Protein backbone atom coordinates (compact mmCIF):
# COMPACT_ATOMS: atom_id res chain seq x y z
CA MET A 1 36.25 -26.53 77.36
CA SER A 2 34.64 -29.96 77.53
CA ARG A 3 31.13 -30.22 78.90
CA GLN A 4 30.90 -31.36 82.52
CA PRO A 5 28.25 -33.68 83.92
CA SER A 6 26.06 -31.57 86.18
CA LEU A 7 25.16 -32.22 89.79
CA ARG A 8 21.49 -33.03 90.29
CA ILE A 9 20.64 -30.18 92.63
CA ASP A 10 17.39 -30.85 94.50
CA GLY A 11 15.66 -27.54 93.83
CA ASP A 12 12.55 -28.32 95.87
CA ARG A 13 14.68 -29.16 98.89
CA LEU A 14 16.68 -25.93 98.47
CA VAL A 15 13.50 -23.85 98.44
CA ARG A 16 12.22 -25.67 101.55
CA ASP A 17 15.56 -25.08 103.27
CA LEU A 18 15.29 -21.35 102.56
CA GLU A 19 11.82 -21.30 104.08
CA THR A 20 12.90 -23.27 107.13
CA LEU A 21 15.88 -21.04 107.84
CA ALA A 22 13.78 -17.91 107.28
CA ALA A 23 11.43 -19.05 110.06
CA ILE A 24 14.35 -18.87 112.52
CA GLY A 25 14.42 -15.25 113.57
CA ALA A 26 11.21 -14.33 111.76
CA ASP A 27 10.03 -11.03 113.23
CA ALA A 28 6.68 -9.32 113.69
CA GLN A 29 7.35 -6.92 110.80
CA GLY A 30 7.53 -9.75 108.27
CA GLY A 31 11.31 -9.81 108.03
CA VAL A 32 14.09 -11.93 109.47
CA THR A 33 16.25 -10.80 112.40
CA ARG A 34 19.26 -13.04 113.01
CA ILE A 35 21.79 -10.46 114.14
CA ALA A 36 25.31 -11.83 114.48
CA TYR A 37 26.02 -13.70 117.72
CA SER A 38 22.40 -13.37 118.90
CA GLN A 39 20.27 -16.26 120.11
CA GLU A 40 18.48 -16.32 116.74
CA ASP A 41 21.79 -16.37 114.88
CA ARG A 42 22.98 -19.27 117.01
CA GLU A 43 19.73 -21.17 116.39
CA GLY A 44 20.07 -20.67 112.64
CA ARG A 45 23.62 -21.93 112.72
CA GLU A 46 22.61 -24.97 114.76
CA TRP A 47 20.00 -25.86 112.14
CA VAL A 48 22.62 -25.61 109.37
CA ARG A 49 24.98 -27.77 111.41
CA ALA A 50 22.31 -30.44 111.78
CA GLU A 51 21.83 -30.53 108.00
CA PHE A 52 25.53 -31.14 107.45
CA ALA A 53 25.60 -33.69 110.28
CA ALA A 54 22.93 -35.63 108.36
CA LEU A 55 25.53 -35.99 105.60
CA GLY A 56 28.05 -37.38 108.04
CA LEU A 57 30.04 -34.15 108.25
CA SER A 58 31.10 -32.44 111.45
CA GLU A 59 31.89 -28.76 111.66
CA THR A 60 34.82 -26.85 113.04
CA THR A 61 34.14 -23.44 114.53
CA ASP A 62 36.99 -20.95 114.78
CA SER A 63 37.52 -18.27 117.42
CA ALA A 64 35.50 -15.69 115.44
CA GLY A 65 32.51 -18.03 115.09
CA ASN A 66 32.99 -19.07 111.46
CA ASP A 67 31.67 -22.62 110.82
CA THR A 68 33.42 -24.86 108.29
CA TRP A 69 32.62 -28.32 106.91
CA VAL A 70 34.78 -30.45 104.58
CA TYR A 71 33.48 -33.12 102.22
CA PRO A 72 36.52 -35.32 101.45
CA GLY A 73 38.11 -35.64 98.02
CA THR A 74 39.81 -38.60 96.39
CA GLU A 75 43.33 -37.20 95.93
CA SER A 76 45.45 -36.54 98.96
CA GLY A 77 47.31 -33.27 99.25
CA LEU A 78 44.88 -31.15 97.25
CA ALA A 79 43.57 -27.98 98.85
CA PRO A 80 39.78 -27.75 99.07
CA ILE A 81 37.48 -25.82 96.78
CA ALA A 82 35.49 -23.61 99.14
CA LEU A 83 31.90 -22.42 98.82
CA GLY A 84 29.93 -20.31 101.23
CA SER A 85 28.42 -17.09 102.50
CA HIS A 86 26.66 -16.12 105.75
CA THR A 87 23.40 -16.67 107.64
CA ASP A 88 23.35 -13.59 109.86
CA THR A 89 21.06 -10.71 108.86
CA VAL A 90 20.54 -7.03 109.47
CA PRO A 91 17.69 -6.14 111.85
CA ASN A 92 14.39 -6.78 110.04
CA GLY A 93 16.21 -8.11 106.99
CA GLY A 94 15.35 -10.58 104.25
CA ARG A 95 15.52 -14.33 103.80
CA TYR A 96 17.92 -14.60 100.85
CA ASP A 97 20.91 -12.33 101.53
CA GLY A 98 23.73 -14.66 102.58
CA ALA A 99 21.43 -17.58 103.35
CA LEU A 100 21.09 -18.53 99.68
CA GLY A 101 24.86 -18.87 99.34
CA VAL A 102 25.18 -21.15 102.36
CA LEU A 103 22.17 -23.30 101.48
CA SER A 104 23.19 -23.62 97.81
CA ALA A 105 26.60 -24.84 98.94
CA LEU A 106 24.79 -27.31 101.21
CA ALA A 107 22.68 -28.40 98.21
CA ALA A 108 25.82 -29.05 96.15
CA VAL A 109 27.43 -31.17 98.88
CA ARG A 110 24.13 -32.98 99.48
CA ALA A 111 23.98 -33.85 95.76
CA LEU A 112 27.50 -35.29 95.89
CA TYR A 113 26.61 -37.27 99.02
CA GLN A 114 23.39 -38.65 97.55
CA GLU A 115 25.17 -39.68 94.36
CA ASN A 116 27.93 -41.29 96.45
CA ARG A 117 30.35 -39.19 94.48
CA ARG A 118 33.70 -37.66 95.42
CA LEU A 119 35.65 -35.02 93.55
CA ARG A 120 39.43 -34.88 93.30
CA HIS A 121 39.48 -31.91 95.66
CA PRO A 122 37.78 -31.76 99.02
CA VAL A 123 34.77 -29.44 99.03
CA GLU A 124 34.72 -26.95 101.89
CA VAL A 125 31.63 -25.01 102.94
CA ILE A 126 31.97 -21.93 105.14
CA ASN A 127 29.20 -20.15 107.03
CA PHE A 128 30.92 -16.88 107.90
CA ALA A 129 30.12 -15.04 111.11
CA ALA A 130 28.90 -11.43 111.25
CA GLU A 131 29.02 -10.52 107.58
CA GLU A 132 26.49 -7.75 108.04
CA ALA A 133 27.69 -4.40 109.39
CA THR A 134 26.26 -4.91 112.87
CA MET A 135 29.58 -5.53 114.64
CA SER A 136 31.25 -2.15 114.02
CA GLY A 137 31.70 -2.87 110.33
CA ALA A 138 30.92 -5.64 107.90
CA THR A 139 32.60 -9.01 107.12
CA PHE A 140 33.82 -9.47 110.70
CA GLY A 141 34.27 -13.25 110.45
CA SER A 142 35.88 -13.35 107.01
CA ARG A 143 38.26 -10.55 107.94
CA ALA A 144 39.28 -12.55 110.99
CA MET A 145 39.81 -15.62 108.82
CA ALA A 146 41.89 -13.63 106.32
CA GLY A 147 43.98 -12.06 109.07
CA THR A 148 42.92 -8.49 108.29
CA LEU A 149 40.76 -7.83 111.36
CA ALA A 150 42.27 -5.30 113.76
CA PRO A 151 42.33 -6.72 117.32
CA ASP A 152 40.88 -3.55 118.86
CA VAL A 153 37.64 -3.89 116.85
CA VAL A 154 36.25 -6.00 119.69
CA ASN A 155 36.26 -2.85 121.84
CA HIS A 156 34.16 -0.89 119.33
CA ARG A 157 30.43 -0.39 119.62
CA ALA A 158 28.08 -2.77 117.85
CA TRP A 159 24.71 -1.85 116.35
CA ASP A 160 23.02 -1.70 119.78
CA SER A 161 25.78 0.40 121.45
CA ARG A 162 27.14 -2.60 123.37
CA THR A 163 30.71 -3.58 122.60
CA VAL A 164 31.52 -6.26 120.06
CA ALA A 165 33.27 -8.09 122.90
CA ASP A 166 29.98 -8.29 124.82
CA HIS A 167 28.28 -9.96 121.85
CA LEU A 168 31.13 -12.42 121.42
CA ARG A 169 30.96 -13.42 125.08
CA ASP A 170 27.20 -13.92 124.83
CA SER A 171 27.89 -16.38 122.02
CA GLY A 172 30.48 -18.28 124.07
CA LEU A 173 33.49 -16.81 122.24
CA ASP A 174 36.57 -15.21 123.78
CA PRO A 175 37.10 -11.65 122.45
CA ASP A 176 40.82 -11.88 123.19
CA ARG A 177 41.21 -14.84 120.81
CA VAL A 178 39.31 -13.59 117.76
CA THR A 179 42.45 -13.03 115.70
CA GLU A 180 43.36 -16.71 116.19
CA ALA A 181 40.77 -17.40 113.47
CA ARG A 182 43.38 -16.41 110.89
CA ARG A 183 44.05 -19.21 108.41
CA THR A 184 47.62 -20.01 107.52
CA ALA A 185 46.59 -21.78 104.32
CA GLY A 186 43.68 -20.85 102.12
CA PRO A 187 41.55 -23.04 99.87
CA ALA A 188 42.43 -23.66 96.24
CA ALA A 189 39.52 -21.41 95.23
CA PHE A 190 36.47 -19.74 96.74
CA LEU A 191 33.04 -19.27 95.12
CA GLU A 192 30.14 -17.33 96.63
CA LEU A 193 26.57 -17.23 95.38
CA HIS A 194 24.60 -14.17 96.45
CA ILE A 195 21.53 -12.18 95.52
CA GLU A 196 22.41 -9.17 93.38
CA GLN A 197 20.96 -6.43 95.66
CA GLY A 198 20.34 -4.35 92.55
CA ARG A 199 18.14 -4.31 89.43
CA ARG A 200 20.52 -4.99 86.56
CA LEU A 201 19.71 -8.69 86.17
CA GLU A 202 15.99 -8.09 86.57
CA THR A 203 16.11 -5.28 84.01
CA GLN A 204 18.08 -7.42 81.54
CA ARG A 205 15.85 -10.46 82.26
CA LYS A 206 18.85 -12.67 82.96
CA PRO A 207 18.89 -15.23 85.77
CA ILE A 208 22.65 -15.21 86.45
CA GLY A 209 25.28 -12.54 86.97
CA VAL A 210 28.93 -13.54 86.68
CA VAL A 211 30.83 -11.12 88.90
CA GLU A 212 34.07 -9.90 87.38
CA GLY A 213 35.10 -7.88 90.41
CA ILE A 214 34.00 -6.21 93.63
CA ALA A 215 34.06 -2.42 93.65
CA GLY A 216 36.56 -0.51 95.70
CA ILE A 217 35.17 1.84 98.34
CA ARG A 218 36.76 5.17 99.25
CA ARG A 219 35.31 7.37 101.98
CA TYR A 220 36.02 11.01 102.77
CA GLU A 221 35.27 13.72 105.28
CA VAL A 222 34.86 17.24 103.92
CA THR A 223 34.67 20.10 106.43
CA VAL A 224 33.11 23.36 105.26
CA ASN A 225 33.58 26.34 107.57
CA GLY A 226 31.28 29.33 107.74
CA TYR A 227 30.43 31.55 110.68
CA ALA A 228 27.80 30.79 113.30
CA ASN A 229 25.55 33.69 114.18
CA HIS A 230 22.02 34.48 115.34
CA ALA A 231 19.47 33.25 112.80
CA GLY A 232 16.97 35.96 113.61
CA THR A 233 19.15 39.05 113.65
CA THR A 234 21.74 38.41 110.91
CA LEU A 235 20.72 39.78 107.52
CA MET A 236 20.83 37.36 104.61
CA GLN A 237 23.54 39.30 102.78
CA ASP A 238 25.74 39.24 105.90
CA ARG A 239 25.66 35.49 106.45
CA GLN A 240 28.43 32.93 106.04
CA ASP A 241 26.11 29.92 106.18
CA ALA A 242 28.22 26.76 106.01
CA LEU A 243 25.25 24.65 104.90
CA VAL A 244 24.43 26.96 102.00
CA MET A 245 28.12 26.88 101.05
CA ALA A 246 28.13 23.07 101.20
CA ALA A 247 24.97 22.53 99.14
CA PRO A 248 26.62 22.94 95.69
CA TYR A 249 29.36 20.51 96.75
CA ILE A 250 26.79 17.82 97.49
CA LEU A 251 25.50 18.21 93.94
CA GLN A 252 29.08 17.99 92.68
CA VAL A 253 29.45 14.54 94.28
CA LYS A 254 26.57 13.36 92.09
CA ALA A 255 27.97 15.08 88.99
CA VAL A 256 31.50 13.71 89.43
CA ALA A 257 30.21 10.17 89.94
CA GLU A 258 28.09 10.38 86.80
CA GLN A 259 30.98 11.83 84.80
CA HIS A 260 33.30 8.97 85.72
CA GLY A 261 30.75 6.14 85.50
CA ILE A 262 30.95 5.26 89.19
CA VAL A 263 28.62 5.77 92.15
CA GLY A 264 28.96 8.51 94.75
CA THR A 265 26.90 9.09 97.88
CA VAL A 266 26.68 11.68 100.62
CA GLY A 267 25.30 9.53 103.41
CA LYS A 268 25.86 11.66 106.51
CA MET A 269 26.27 15.30 107.46
CA ASP A 270 26.93 16.99 110.78
CA ILE A 271 25.60 20.55 110.96
CA LEU A 272 27.15 22.59 113.78
CA PRO A 273 26.20 23.94 116.19
CA GLY A 274 22.95 22.20 115.23
CA SER A 275 20.34 24.60 116.58
CA PRO A 276 17.39 25.93 114.56
CA ASN A 277 18.06 29.50 115.70
CA VAL A 278 21.77 29.51 114.83
CA ILE A 279 23.24 29.90 111.34
CA PRO A 280 25.38 26.81 110.65
CA GLY A 281 29.01 27.64 111.30
CA GLN A 282 30.41 24.32 110.16
CA VAL A 283 29.24 21.38 108.07
CA ILE A 284 31.04 18.03 108.04
CA ILE A 285 30.14 15.96 104.97
CA ASN A 286 30.77 12.22 104.94
CA LEU A 287 30.76 10.76 101.44
CA GLU A 288 31.91 7.71 99.52
CA ILE A 289 32.66 6.71 95.96
CA ARG A 290 32.70 3.16 94.59
CA GLY A 291 34.13 1.72 91.41
CA LEU A 292 36.08 -1.19 89.95
CA ASP A 293 38.93 0.80 88.31
CA GLU A 294 41.54 2.35 90.61
CA GLY A 295 42.55 4.88 87.95
CA VAL A 296 38.97 6.10 87.60
CA LEU A 297 38.64 6.37 91.37
CA ASP A 298 41.90 8.35 91.50
CA ARG A 299 40.59 10.84 88.94
CA ALA A 300 37.26 11.20 90.68
CA GLU A 301 39.01 11.72 94.02
CA ARG A 302 41.24 14.48 92.60
CA GLN A 303 38.20 16.25 91.16
CA LEU A 304 36.29 16.03 94.45
CA GLU A 305 39.33 17.42 96.27
CA GLU A 306 39.58 20.30 93.79
CA GLU A 307 35.90 21.12 94.30
CA ALA A 308 36.45 21.12 98.07
CA GLY A 309 39.41 23.45 97.58
CA LYS A 310 37.15 26.01 95.90
CA LEU A 311 35.25 26.19 99.20
CA GLN A 312 38.49 26.26 101.22
CA ALA A 313 37.15 23.08 102.78
CA ALA A 314 39.31 20.40 104.38
CA PHE A 315 39.25 17.16 102.36
CA VAL A 316 40.39 14.00 104.16
CA GLN A 317 40.27 10.39 102.97
CA THR A 318 39.04 8.31 105.92
CA SER A 319 39.15 4.82 104.40
CA ASN A 320 40.13 3.05 101.20
CA LYS A 321 39.15 -0.51 100.32
CA PRO A 322 40.70 -1.30 96.93
CA PRO A 323 38.74 -3.14 94.23
CA VAL A 324 39.04 -6.91 94.09
CA ASP A 325 39.14 -8.58 90.68
CA SER A 326 37.63 -12.03 90.24
CA ASP A 327 40.04 -14.76 89.24
CA PRO A 328 39.88 -15.31 85.44
CA LEU A 329 39.91 -19.11 85.75
CA LEU A 330 37.00 -19.07 88.18
CA VAL A 331 35.09 -16.67 85.95
CA GLN A 332 35.73 -19.03 83.04
CA ALA A 333 34.28 -21.91 85.07
CA LEU A 334 31.17 -19.89 85.98
CA VAL A 335 30.59 -18.86 82.36
CA ALA A 336 30.96 -22.46 81.20
CA ALA A 337 28.53 -23.59 83.90
CA CYS A 338 25.95 -21.02 82.73
CA GLU A 339 26.32 -22.14 79.13
CA ASP A 340 26.14 -25.85 80.02
CA ASN A 341 22.88 -25.29 81.86
CA GLY A 342 21.43 -23.01 79.18
CA PHE A 343 21.16 -19.94 81.43
CA ALA A 344 21.58 -16.45 80.03
CA TYR A 345 24.08 -14.44 82.06
CA ALA A 346 25.51 -10.96 82.40
CA ARG A 347 29.07 -10.06 83.26
CA MET A 348 28.98 -7.44 85.98
CA ALA A 349 30.68 -5.85 88.97
CA SER A 350 29.49 -5.99 92.56
CA GLY A 351 28.91 -2.60 94.12
CA ALA A 352 28.58 -4.13 97.58
CA GLY A 353 31.30 -5.80 99.61
CA HIS A 354 30.98 -9.50 100.44
CA ASP A 355 32.90 -12.22 102.27
CA ALA A 356 34.49 -13.08 98.91
CA MET A 357 36.27 -9.72 99.01
CA CYS A 358 38.05 -10.78 102.20
CA MET A 359 38.71 -14.32 100.96
CA ALA A 360 40.63 -12.79 98.04
CA ASP A 361 43.50 -12.38 100.52
CA LEU A 362 43.58 -16.17 100.95
CA ALA A 363 42.60 -17.65 97.59
CA PRO A 364 41.40 -16.98 94.04
CA GLN A 365 37.75 -15.95 94.30
CA ALA A 366 34.71 -15.24 92.17
CA MET A 367 31.00 -14.67 92.72
CA LEU A 368 27.75 -15.25 90.93
CA PHE A 369 24.54 -13.30 91.43
CA VAL A 370 20.87 -14.09 91.02
CA PRO A 371 18.19 -11.38 90.62
CA SER A 372 16.66 -9.33 93.42
CA ARG A 373 13.09 -8.25 92.71
CA ASN A 374 13.00 -4.45 92.33
CA GLY A 375 16.61 -4.37 93.53
CA VAL A 376 15.47 -4.63 97.15
CA SER A 377 17.62 -6.20 99.86
CA HIS A 378 18.08 -5.84 103.64
CA SER A 379 14.31 -5.61 103.84
CA PRO A 380 11.30 -7.86 104.45
CA ASP A 381 10.49 -7.18 100.77
CA GLU A 382 13.71 -8.89 99.65
CA TYR A 383 12.70 -11.59 97.16
CA THR A 384 14.33 -13.85 94.59
CA PRO A 385 12.01 -16.22 92.69
CA PRO A 386 12.49 -19.93 93.50
CA GLU A 387 13.49 -20.74 89.92
CA ASP A 388 16.31 -18.18 90.10
CA CYS A 389 17.51 -19.54 93.43
CA VAL A 390 17.66 -23.03 91.93
CA ALA A 391 19.36 -21.75 88.76
CA GLY A 392 22.07 -20.14 90.87
CA ALA A 393 22.62 -23.33 92.84
CA GLN A 394 22.77 -25.33 89.61
CA VAL A 395 25.45 -23.04 88.17
CA LEU A 396 27.38 -23.16 91.45
CA GLY A 397 27.36 -26.96 91.42
CA THR A 398 28.40 -27.19 87.77
CA ALA A 399 31.20 -24.65 88.27
CA LEU A 400 32.42 -26.75 91.19
CA LEU A 401 32.79 -29.71 88.84
CA TYR A 402 34.65 -27.62 86.29
CA LEU A 403 37.07 -26.28 88.88
CA ASP A 404 37.75 -29.75 90.19
CA GLY A 405 39.13 -30.63 86.78
CA MET A 406 40.74 -27.28 85.97
CA LEU A 407 42.69 -26.63 89.16
CA ASP A 408 46.11 -28.28 89.53
CA SER A 409 45.86 -29.63 86.00
CA GLY A 410 47.42 -26.85 83.93
CA ARG A 411 44.14 -25.86 82.31
């Protein structure tokens, strides 16, 4: 693959942009709170819009609140190469999650503008709405864009117990029209830069992670039945304590995950009837497993179901998001961009879902990661060093140039 001339990303400007955006929604606990569709979220989006307007670009906002800008290309009829992420946060979150991807895409377009340079393909930048799981689930805006958002989600409860529809109305959007955000034609490719939200890059001392796929997520409900009785009068040998019965199963979730090289988590349990003076008569375990290989997930699921069977417990799969592989051509472009810029990189999977996972229904997609200090994210302590932020933006810009030549050219 021939070496591509690199975009001159203004790293100092990118770092200043991150600081400026972080000040919008800065909270008293030292974090950033720009919850989707809130006043702070809208103010952050307005600031991003103004930065694109300074480049002569106007945005379009769809019925789910996703903002899109297009920097024109030189050849008519070519679909755009899309870049982007999100600027909403969790309550008391960090300043890099999502924001870095949007602002790095802005930096790439700004570099093209300042160099008076056009690519063959248009360059599209998307600031997705409600990526964080505050609106009854994550990736609300990108699911709407991909056409996979169920219409009744607007009637579900958001993070603050109000309906999603209430939040949409507060933001000037019509809940009944959210599904109209579905795109009929996707971009030629989609790239997303994101912080890792883990420690692998930091541990390996590598500034870039090339994401080869996004892990599938399967969730289950396991119901263990015992017998509720008086906690003070029932002898220990006479008890059918559902929680004691369930305890070994919880350890099995850990053991099965380790055996299959995936991750497994028991994140919620309901203990019924839930009184300190009553022996638990029923325990409902909510667990998930995540991995990149469907076959491995199948085997782990069968083993977890067998272990539940030993307890005569009901085992029900409640959701299944399949893994999403990155497009090989896009991965090739990211690897070449790392090598051109002299950055060490690691090939890796993403254990978290992202907007790119939803965009895979519309276009070839791939992601790149930059390190998260101590693996912390969704926290005021979330931190990625400035040099790593700039390195990620530099790789993103170089990969954009590679894709402009590779797509629609038979390479």
